Amino acid sequence: MNEELLIAFDSTQQALRAEMLLEYAEIEIDICPTPKEITAGCAMSIQFFRSALIEVEKIVDEQKIEIRGIYGKNEQTGGYRLITE
């Protein structure tokens, strides 16, 4: 099973920029509301599969996209855990 991860942002501008760049790289993503447990300045997040994590991190780093963090679902608590900032 391929775990879904979530990128949270502090601004809508950065979320839209990331969406465009990730789609251009042909990474399968979904736009979704930022969960309440994740404190972020933007109500929009991007979901993607863990199998794309390295490529997503590379694009975020190279394109200097400002993110709050990348989160994974915590199966024990049902909340989210920070994977990388």
PDB file of N, CA and C in Angstrom:
ATOM      1  N   MET A   1       0.843  -1.191   0.000  1.00  0.00           N
ATOM      2  CA  MET A   1       0.000   0.000   0.000  1.00  0.00           C
ATOM      3  C   MET A   1       0.880   1.243   0.000  1.00  0.00           C
ATOM      4  N   ASN A   2       0.531   2.208  -0.828  1.00  0.00           N
ATOM      5  CA  ASN A   2       1.315   3.417  -0.970  1.00  0.00           C
ATOM      6  C   ASN A   2       0.696   4.525  -0.118  1.00  0.00           C
ATOM      7  N   GLU A   3       1.375   4.905   0.937  1.00  0.00           N
ATOM      8  CA  GLU A   3       0.874   5.910   1.870  1.00  0.00           C
ATOM      9  C   GLU A   3       0.728   7.266   1.188  1.00  0.00           C
ATOM     10  N   GLU A   4      -0.341   7.976   1.526  1.00  0.00           N
ATOM     11  CA  GLU A   4      -0.526   9.332   1.027  1.00  0.00           C
ATOM     12  C   GLU A   4       0.105  10.309   2.003  1.00  0.00           C
ATOM     13  N   LEU A   5       0.848  11.258   1.445  1.00  0.00           N
ATOM     14  CA  LEU A   5       1.470  12.320   2.225  1.00  0.00           C
ATOM     15  C   LEU A   5       0.807  13.635   1.860  1.00  0.00           C
ATOM     16  N   LEU A   6       1.090  14.667   2.655  1.00  0.00           N
ATOM     17  CA  LEU A   6       0.430  15.950   2.501  1.00  0.00           C
ATOM     18  C   LEU A   6       1.456  17.064   2.647  1.00  0.00           C
ATOM     19  N   ILE A   7       1.441  18.023   1.724  1.00  0.00           N
ATOM     20  CA  ILE A   7       2.281  19.220   1.854  1.00  0.00           C
ATOM     21  C   ILE A   7       1.379  20.349   2.326  1.00  0.00           C
ATOM     22  N   ALA A   8       1.767  21.012   3.417  1.00  0.00           N
ATOM     23  CA  ALA A   8       1.039  22.179   3.915  1.00  0.00           C
ATOM     24  C   ALA A   8       1.867  23.428   3.613  1.00  0.00           C
ATOM     25  N   PHE A   9       1.176  24.526   3.376  1.00  0.00           N
ATOM     26  CA  PHE A   9       1.818  25.774   2.968  1.00  0.00           C
ATOM     27  C   PHE A   9       1.413  26.917   3.888  1.00  0.00           C
ATOM     28  N   ASP A  10       2.223  27.986   3.863  1.00  0.00           N
ATOM     29  CA  ASP A  10       1.875  29.187   4.605  1.00  0.00           C
ATOM     30  C   ASP A  10       1.166  30.214   3.729  1.00  0.00           C
ATOM     31  N   SER A  11       1.202  30.009   2.402  1.00  0.00           N
ATOM     32  CA  SER A  11       0.520  30.956   1.521  1.00  0.00           C
ATOM     33  C   SER A  11      -0.114  30.230   0.337  1.00  0.00           C
ATOM     34  N   THR A  12      -1.223  30.769  -0.117  1.00  0.00           N
ATOM     35  CA  THR A  12      -1.917  30.214  -1.278  1.00  0.00           C
ATOM     36  C   THR A  12      -1.047  30.324  -2.519  1.00  0.00           C
ATOM     37  N   GLN A  13      -0.292  31.406  -2.626  1.00  0.00           N
ATOM     38  CA  GLN A  13       0.591  31.601  -3.778  1.00  0.00           C
ATOM     39  C   GLN A  13       1.582  30.440  -3.908  1.00  0.00           C
ATOM     40  N   GLN A  14       2.183  30.027  -2.798  1.00  0.00           N
ATOM     41  CA  GLN A  14       3.144  28.921  -2.831  1.00  0.00           C
ATOM     42  C   GLN A  14       2.444  27.597  -3.148  1.00  0.00           C
ATOM     43  N   ALA A  15       1.230  27.418  -2.649  1.00  0.00           N
ATOM     44  CA  ALA A  15       0.472  26.189  -2.931  1.00  0.00           C
ATOM     45  C   ALA A  15       0.151  26.086  -4.420  1.00  0.00           C
ATOM     46  N   LEU A  16      -0.288  27.184  -5.017  1.00  0.00           N
ATOM     47  CA  LEU A  16      -0.615  27.180  -6.445  1.00  0.00           C
ATOM     48  C   LEU A  16       0.633  26.981  -7.298  1.00  0.00           C
ATOM     49  N   ARG A  17       1.730  27.574  -6.883  1.00  0.00           N
ATOM     50  CA  ARG A  17       3.001  27.398  -7.595  1.00  0.00           C
ATOM     51  C   ARG A  17       3.443  25.940  -7.536  1.00  0.00           C
ATOM     52  N   ALA A  18       3.356  25.346  -6.352  1.00  0.00           N
ATOM     53  CA  ALA A  18       3.728  23.937  -6.190  1.00  0.00           C
ATOM     54  C   ALA A  18       2.822  23.044  -7.033  1.00  0.00           C
ATOM     55  N   GLU A  19       1.530  23.332  -7.030  1.00  0.00           N
ATOM     56  CA  GLU A  19       0.593  22.545  -7.836  1.00  0.00           C
ATOM     57  C   GLU A  19       1.016  22.554  -9.304  1.00  0.00           C
ATOM     58  N   MET A  20       1.321  23.733  -9.831  1.00  0.00           N
ATOM     59  CA  MET A  20       1.711  23.859 -11.230  1.00  0.00           C
ATOM     60  C   MET A  20       2.992  23.069 -11.526  1.00  0.00           C
ATOM     61  N   LEU A  21       3.997  23.211 -10.666  1.00  0.00           N
ATOM     62  CA  LEU A  21       5.282  22.546 -10.897  1.00  0.00           C
ATOM     63  C   LEU A  21       5.178  21.027 -10.765  1.00  0.00           C
ATOM     64  N   LEU A  22       4.420  20.554  -9.793  1.00  0.00           N
ATOM     65  CA  LEU A  22       4.268  19.110  -9.604  1.00  0.00           C
ATOM     66  C   LEU A  22       3.458  18.483 -10.740  1.00  0.00           C
ATOM     67  N   GLU A  23       2.433  19.181 -11.192  1.00  0.00           N
ATOM     68  CA  GLU A  23       1.671  18.673 -12.338  1.00  0.00           C
ATOM     69  C   GLU A  23       2.533  18.660 -13.597  1.00  0.00           C
ATOM     70  N   TYR A  24       3.356  19.688 -13.774  1.00  0.00           N
ATOM     71  CA  TYR A  24       4.261  19.751 -14.926  1.00  0.00           C
ATOM     72  C   TYR A  24       5.231  18.569 -14.906  1.00  0.00           C
ATOM     73  N   ALA A  25       5.647  18.164 -13.702  1.00  0.00           N
ATOM     74  CA  ALA A  25       6.553  17.016 -13.542  1.00  0.00           C
ATOM     75  C   ALA A  25       5.797  15.685 -13.625  1.00  0.00           C
ATOM     76  N   GLU A  26       4.499  15.753 -13.881  1.00  0.00           N
ATOM     77  CA  GLU A  26       3.636  14.578 -14.021  1.00  0.00           C
ATOM     78  C   GLU A  26       3.575  13.716 -12.756  1.00  0.00           C
ATOM     79  N   ILE A  27       3.602  14.393 -11.608  1.00  0.00           N
ATOM     80  CA  ILE A  27       3.416  13.721 -10.326  1.00  0.00           C
ATOM     81  C   ILE A  27       1.918  13.753 -10.017  1.00  0.00           C
ATOM     82  N   GLU A  28       1.375  12.602  -9.648  1.00  0.00           N
ATOM     83  CA  GLU A  28      -0.051  12.517  -9.335  1.00  0.00           C
ATOM     84  C   GLU A  28      -0.313  13.202  -7.997  1.00  0.00           C
ATOM     85  N   ILE A  29      -1.107  14.271  -8.033  1.00  0.00           N
ATOM     86  CA  ILE A  29      -1.420  15.035  -6.823  1.00  0.00           C
ATOM     87  C   ILE A  29      -2.915  15.294  -6.743  1.00  0.00           C
ATOM     88  N   ASP A  30      -3.363  15.642  -5.544  1.00  0.00           N
ATOM     89  CA  ASP A  30      -4.728  16.106  -5.314  1.00  0.00           C
ATOM     90  C   ASP A  30      -4.652  17.333  -4.424  1.00  0.00           C
ATOM     91  N   ILE A  31      -5.461  18.324  -4.729  1.00  0.00           N
ATOM     92  CA  ILE A  31      -5.592  19.495  -3.872  1.00  0.00           C
ATOM     93  C   ILE A  31      -6.660  19.163  -2.836  1.00  0.00           C
ATOM     94  N   CYS A  32      -6.391  19.505  -1.583  1.00  0.00           N
ATOM     95  CA  CYS A  32      -7.350  19.208  -0.520  1.00  0.00           C
ATOM     96  C   CYS A  32      -7.266  20.292   0.553  1.00  0.00           C
ATOM     97  N   PRO A  33      -8.284  20.400   1.381  1.00  0.00           N
ATOM     98  CA  PRO A  33      -8.218  21.356   2.493  1.00  0.00           C
ATOM     99  C   PRO A  33      -7.142  20.927   3.495  1.00  0.00           C
ATOM    100  N   THR A  34      -6.469  21.893   4.087  1.00  0.00           N
ATOM    101  CA  THR A  34      -5.478  21.590   5.118  1.00  0.00           C
ATOM    102  C   THR A  34      -6.215  21.099   6.365  1.00  0.00           C
ATOM    103  N   PRO A  35      -5.849  19.918   6.884  1.00  0.00           N
ATOM    104  CA  PRO A  35      -6.507  19.410   8.098  1.00  0.00           C
ATOM    105  C   PRO A  35      -6.338  20.379   9.273  1.00  0.00           C
ATOM    106  N   LYS A  36      -7.327  20.422  10.137  1.00  0.00           N
ATOM    107  CA  LYS A  36      -7.303  21.343  11.283  1.00  0.00           C
ATOM    108  C   LYS A  36      -6.128  21.092  12.219  1.00  0.00           C
ATOM    109  N   GLU A  37      -5.662  19.821  12.284  1.00  0.00           N
ATOM    110  CA  GLU A  37      -4.545  19.504  13.188  1.00  0.00           C
ATOM    111  C   GLU A  37      -3.232  20.138  12.740  1.00  0.00           C
ATOM    112  N   ILE A  38      -3.157  20.514  11.471  1.00  0.00           N
ATOM    113  CA  ILE A  38      -1.922  21.100  10.940  1.00  0.00           C
ATOM    114  C   ILE A  38      -2.096  22.608  10.925  1.00  0.00           C
ATOM    115  N   THR A  39      -1.288  23.307  11.713  1.00  0.00           N
ATOM    116  CA  THR A  39      -1.352  24.755  11.747  1.00  0.00           C
ATOM    117  C   THR A  39      -0.585  25.299  10.558  1.00  0.00           C
ATOM    118  N   ALA A  40      -1.288  25.940   9.651  1.00  0.00           N
ATOM    119  CA  ALA A  40      -0.657  26.512   8.466  1.00  0.00           C
ATOM    120  C   ALA A  40      -1.415  27.772   8.083  1.00  0.00           C
ATOM    121  N   GLY A  41      -0.747  28.653   7.370  1.00  0.00           N
ATOM    122  CA  GLY A  41      -1.356  29.912   6.968  1.00  0.00           C
ATOM    123  C   GLY A  41      -2.226  29.792   5.737  1.00  0.00           C
ATOM    124  N   CYS A  42      -2.278  28.620   5.145  1.00  0.00           N
ATOM    125  CA  CYS A  42      -3.028  28.412   3.909  1.00  0.00           C
ATOM    126  C   CYS A  42      -4.007  27.262   4.111  1.00  0.00           C
ATOM    127  N   ALA A  43      -5.213  27.432   3.622  1.00  0.00           N
ATOM    128  CA  ALA A  43      -6.242  26.400   3.782  1.00  0.00           C
ATOM    129  C   ALA A  43      -6.132  25.305   2.731  1.00  0.00           C
ATOM    130  N   MET A  44      -5.166  25.444   1.806  1.00  0.00           N
ATOM    131  CA  MET A  44      -5.005  24.492   0.713  1.00  0.00           C
ATOM    132  C   MET A  44      -3.742  23.656   0.926  1.00  0.00           C
ATOM    133  N   SER A  45      -3.867  22.350   0.747  1.00  0.00           N
ATOM    134  CA  SER A  45      -2.727  21.436   0.831  1.00  0.00           C
ATOM    135  C   SER A  45      -2.693  20.574  -0.420  1.00  0.00           C
ATOM    136  N   ILE A  46      -1.579  19.885  -0.618  1.00  0.00           N
ATOM    137  CA  ILE A  46      -1.430  18.983  -1.755  1.00  0.00           C
ATOM    138  C   ILE A  46      -1.134  17.588  -1.228  1.00  0.00           C
ATOM    139  N   GLN A  47      -1.916  16.613  -1.688  1.00  0.00           N
ATOM    140  CA  GLN A  47      -1.691  15.203  -1.343  1.00  0.00           C
ATOM    141  C   GLN A  47      -0.947  14.523  -2.482  1.00  0.00           C
ATOM    142  N   PHE A  48      -0.055  13.605  -2.113  1.00  0.00           N
ATOM    143  CA  PHE A  48       0.667  12.817  -3.111  1.00  0.00           C
ATOM    144  C   PHE A  48       1.080  11.505  -2.464  1.00  0.00           C
ATOM    145  N   PHE A  49       1.518  10.552  -3.279  1.00  0.00           N
ATOM    146  CA  PHE A  49       1.919   9.253  -2.749  1.00  0.00           C
ATOM    147  C   PHE A  49       3.375   9.262  -2.302  1.00  0.00           C
ATOM    148  N   ARG A  50       3.660   8.500  -1.242  1.00  0.00           N
ATOM    149  CA  ARG A  50       5.013   8.411  -0.693  1.00  0.00           C
ATOM    150  C   ARG A  50       6.038   8.030  -1.764  1.00  0.00           C
ATOM    151  N   SER A  51       5.635   7.254  -2.757  1.00  0.00           N
ATOM    152  CA  SER A  51       6.563   6.829  -3.805  1.00  0.00           C
ATOM    153  C   SER A  51       7.137   8.013  -4.581  1.00  0.00           C
ATOM    154  N   ALA A  52       6.482   9.173  -4.511  1.00  0.00           N
ATOM    155  CA  ALA A  52       6.959  10.371  -5.203  1.00  0.00           C
ATOM    156  C   ALA A  52       7.703  11.329  -4.274  1.00  0.00           C
ATOM    157  N   LEU A  53       7.928  10.935  -3.010  1.00  0.00           N
ATOM    158  CA  LEU A  53       8.502  11.847  -2.015  1.00  0.00           C
ATOM    159  C   LEU A  53       9.835  12.437  -2.449  1.00  0.00           C
ATOM    160  N   ILE A  54      10.762  11.633  -2.934  1.00  0.00           N
ATOM    161  CA  ILE A  54      12.085  12.141  -3.308  1.00  0.00           C
ATOM    162  C   ILE A  54      11.966  13.170  -4.425  1.00  0.00           C
ATOM    163  N   GLU A  55      11.143  12.879  -5.412  1.00  0.00           N
ATOM    164  CA  GLU A  55      10.963  13.816  -6.526  1.00  0.00           C
ATOM    165  C   GLU A  55      10.274  15.100  -6.062  1.00  0.00           C
ATOM    166  N   VAL A  56       9.284  14.978  -5.189  1.00  0.00           N
ATOM    167  CA  VAL A  56       8.591  16.154  -4.650  1.00  0.00           C
ATOM    168  C   VAL A  56       9.570  17.018  -3.859  1.00  0.00           C
ATOM    169  N   GLU A  57      10.362  16.401  -2.978  1.00  0.00           N
ATOM    170  CA  GLU A  57      11.341  17.159  -2.190  1.00  0.00           C
ATOM    171  C   GLU A  57      12.345  17.867  -3.093  1.00  0.00           C
ATOM    172  N   LYS A  58      12.759  17.209  -4.161  1.00  0.00           N
ATOM    173  CA  LYS A  58      13.714  17.804  -5.101  1.00  0.00           C
ATOM    174  C   LYS A  58      13.114  19.048  -5.757  1.00  0.00           C
ATOM    175  N   ILE A  59      11.877  18.957  -6.210  1.00  0.00           N
ATOM    176  CA  ILE A  59      11.217  20.100  -6.849  1.00  0.00           C
ATOM    177  C   ILE A  59      11.026  21.237  -5.852  1.00  0.00           C
ATOM    178  N   VAL A  60      10.571  20.922  -4.641  1.00  0.00           N
ATOM    179  CA  VAL A  60      10.374  21.939  -3.605  1.00  0.00           C
ATOM    180  C   VAL A  60      11.688  22.659  -3.314  1.00  0.00           C
ATOM    181  N   ASP A  61      12.773  21.900  -3.208  1.00  0.00           N
ATOM    182  CA  ASP A  61      14.082  22.473  -2.907  1.00  0.00           C
ATOM    183  C   ASP A  61      14.622  23.298  -4.075  1.00  0.00           C
ATOM    184  N   GLU A  62      14.639  22.711  -5.262  1.00  0.00           N
ATOM    185  CA  GLU A  62      15.212  23.390  -6.429  1.00  0.00           C
ATOM    186  C   GLU A  62      14.434  24.643  -6.816  1.00  0.00           C
ATOM    187  N   GLN A  63      13.125  24.602  -6.674  1.00  0.00           N
ATOM    188  CA  GLN A  63      12.284  25.737  -7.064  1.00  0.00           C
ATOM    189  C   GLN A  63      12.036  26.703  -5.898  1.00  0.00           C
ATOM    190  N   LYS A  64      12.635  26.394  -4.746  1.00  0.00           N
ATOM    191  CA  LYS A  64      12.525  27.240  -3.552  1.00  0.00           C
ATOM    192  C   LYS A  64      11.058  27.540  -3.183  1.00  0.00           C
ATOM    193  N   ILE A  65      10.265  26.473  -3.182  1.00  0.00           N
ATOM    194  CA  ILE A  65       8.866  26.591  -2.769  1.00  0.00           C
ATOM    195  C   ILE A  65       8.838  26.599  -1.243  1.00  0.00           C
ATOM    196  N   GLU A  66       8.180  27.592  -0.674  1.00  0.00           N
ATOM    197  CA  GLU A  66       8.101  27.705   0.783  1.00  0.00           C
ATOM    198  C   GLU A  66       6.944  26.846   1.286  1.00  0.00           C
ATOM    199  N   ILE A  67       7.281  25.855   2.107  1.00  0.00           N
ATOM    200  CA  ILE A  67       6.254  24.965   2.656  1.00  0.00           C
ATOM    201  C   ILE A  67       6.288  25.005   4.177  1.00  0.00           C
ATOM    202  N   ARG A  68       5.172  24.652   4.783  1.00  0.00           N
ATOM    203  CA  ARG A  68       5.105  24.498   6.243  1.00  0.00           C
ATOM    204  C   ARG A  68       5.730  23.163   6.618  1.00  0.00           C
ATOM    205  N   GLY A  69       5.464  22.136   5.797  1.00  0.00           N
ATOM    206  CA  GLY A  69       6.034  20.820   6.041  1.00  0.00           C
ATOM    207  C   GLY A  69       5.336  19.759   5.217  1.00  0.00           C
ATOM    208  N   ILE A  70       5.932  18.570   5.228  1.00  0.00           N
ATOM    209  CA  ILE A  70       5.326  17.402   4.596  1.00  0.00           C
ATOM    210  C   ILE A  70       4.900  16.473   5.725  1.00  0.00           C
ATOM    211  N   TYR A  71       3.659  16.038   5.681  1.00  0.00           N
ATOM    212  CA  TYR A  71       3.063  15.265   6.768  1.00  0.00           C
ATOM    213  C   TYR A  71       2.560  13.911   6.275  1.00  0.00           C
ATOM    214  N   GLY A  72       2.578  12.960   7.182  1.00  0.00           N
ATOM    215  CA  GLY A  72       2.004  11.642   6.933  1.00  0.00           C
ATOM    216  C   GLY A  72       0.948  11.369   7.982  1.00  0.00           C
ATOM    217  N   LYS A  73       0.040  10.485   7.681  1.00  0.00           N
ATOM    218  CA  LYS A  73      -1.034  10.126   8.616  1.00  0.00           C
ATOM    219  C   LYS A  73      -0.467   9.245   9.726  1.00  0.00           C
ATOM    220  N   ASN A  74      -0.772   9.574  10.968  1.00  0.00           N
ATOM    221  CA  ASN A  74      -0.362   8.774  12.114  1.00  0.00           C
ATOM    222  C   ASN A  74      -1.469   7.761  12.384  1.00  0.00           C
ATOM    223  N   GLU A  75      -1.197   6.501  12.090  1.00  0.00           N
ATOM    224  CA  GLU A  75      -2.220   5.453  12.230  1.00  0.00           C
ATOM    225  C   GLU A  75      -2.677   5.272  13.675  1.00  0.00           C
ATOM    226  N   GLN A  76      -1.800   5.524  14.647  1.00  0.00           N
ATOM    227  CA  GLN A  76      -2.153   5.319  16.058  1.00  0.00           C
ATOM    228  C   GLN A  76      -3.118   6.381  16.570  1.00  0.00           C
ATOM    229  N   THR A  77      -2.874   7.637  16.194  1.00  0.00           N
ATOM    230  CA  THR A  77      -3.695   8.725  16.719  1.00  0.00           C
ATOM    231  C   THR A  77      -4.751   9.215  15.740  1.00  0.00           C
ATOM    232  N   GLY A  78      -4.588   8.872  14.463  1.00  0.00           N
ATOM    233  CA  GLY A  78      -5.505   9.379  13.448  1.00  0.00           C
ATOM    234  C   GLY A  78      -5.160  10.783  12.993  1.00  0.00           C
ATOM    235  N   GLY A  79      -4.163  11.398  13.642  1.00  0.00           N
ATOM    236  CA  GLY A  79      -3.725  12.739  13.263  1.00  0.00           C
ATOM    237  C   GLY A  79      -2.618  12.669  12.221  1.00  0.00           C
ATOM    238  N   TYR A  80      -1.815  13.708  12.181  1.00  0.00           N
ATOM    239  CA  TYR A  80      -0.721  13.783  11.218  1.00  0.00           C
ATOM    240  C   TYR A  80       0.603  13.934  11.937  1.00  0.00           C
ATOM    241  N   ARG A  81       1.654  13.386  11.319  1.00  0.00           N
ATOM    242  CA  ARG A  81       3.002  13.526  11.876  1.00  0.00           C
ATOM    243  C   ARG A  81       3.871  14.222  10.846  1.00  0.00           C
ATOM    244  N   LEU A  82       4.748  15.088  11.315  1.00  0.00           N
ATOM    245  CA  LEU A  82       5.653  15.819  10.435  1.00  0.00           C
ATOM    246  C   LEU A  82       6.728  14.878   9.921  1.00  0.00           C
ATOM    247  N   ILE A  83       6.907  14.827   8.612  1.00  0.00           N
ATOM    248  CA  ILE A  83       7.945  13.995   8.005  1.00  0.00           C
ATOM    249  C   ILE A  83       9.166  14.838   7.692  1.00  0.00           C
ATOM    250  N   THR A  84       8.945  16.012   7.119  1.00  0.00           N
ATOM    251  CA  THR A  84      10.047  16.917   6.783  1.00  0.00           C
ATOM    252  C   THR A  84       9.533  18.347   6.712  1.00  0.00           C
ATOM    253  N   GLU A  85      10.416  19.286   7.029  1.00  0.00           N
ATOM    254  CA  GLU A  85      10.059  20.715   6.949  1.00  0.00           C
ATOM    255  C   GLU A  85      10.685  21.316   5.726  1.00  0.00           C
TER     256      GLU A  85
END
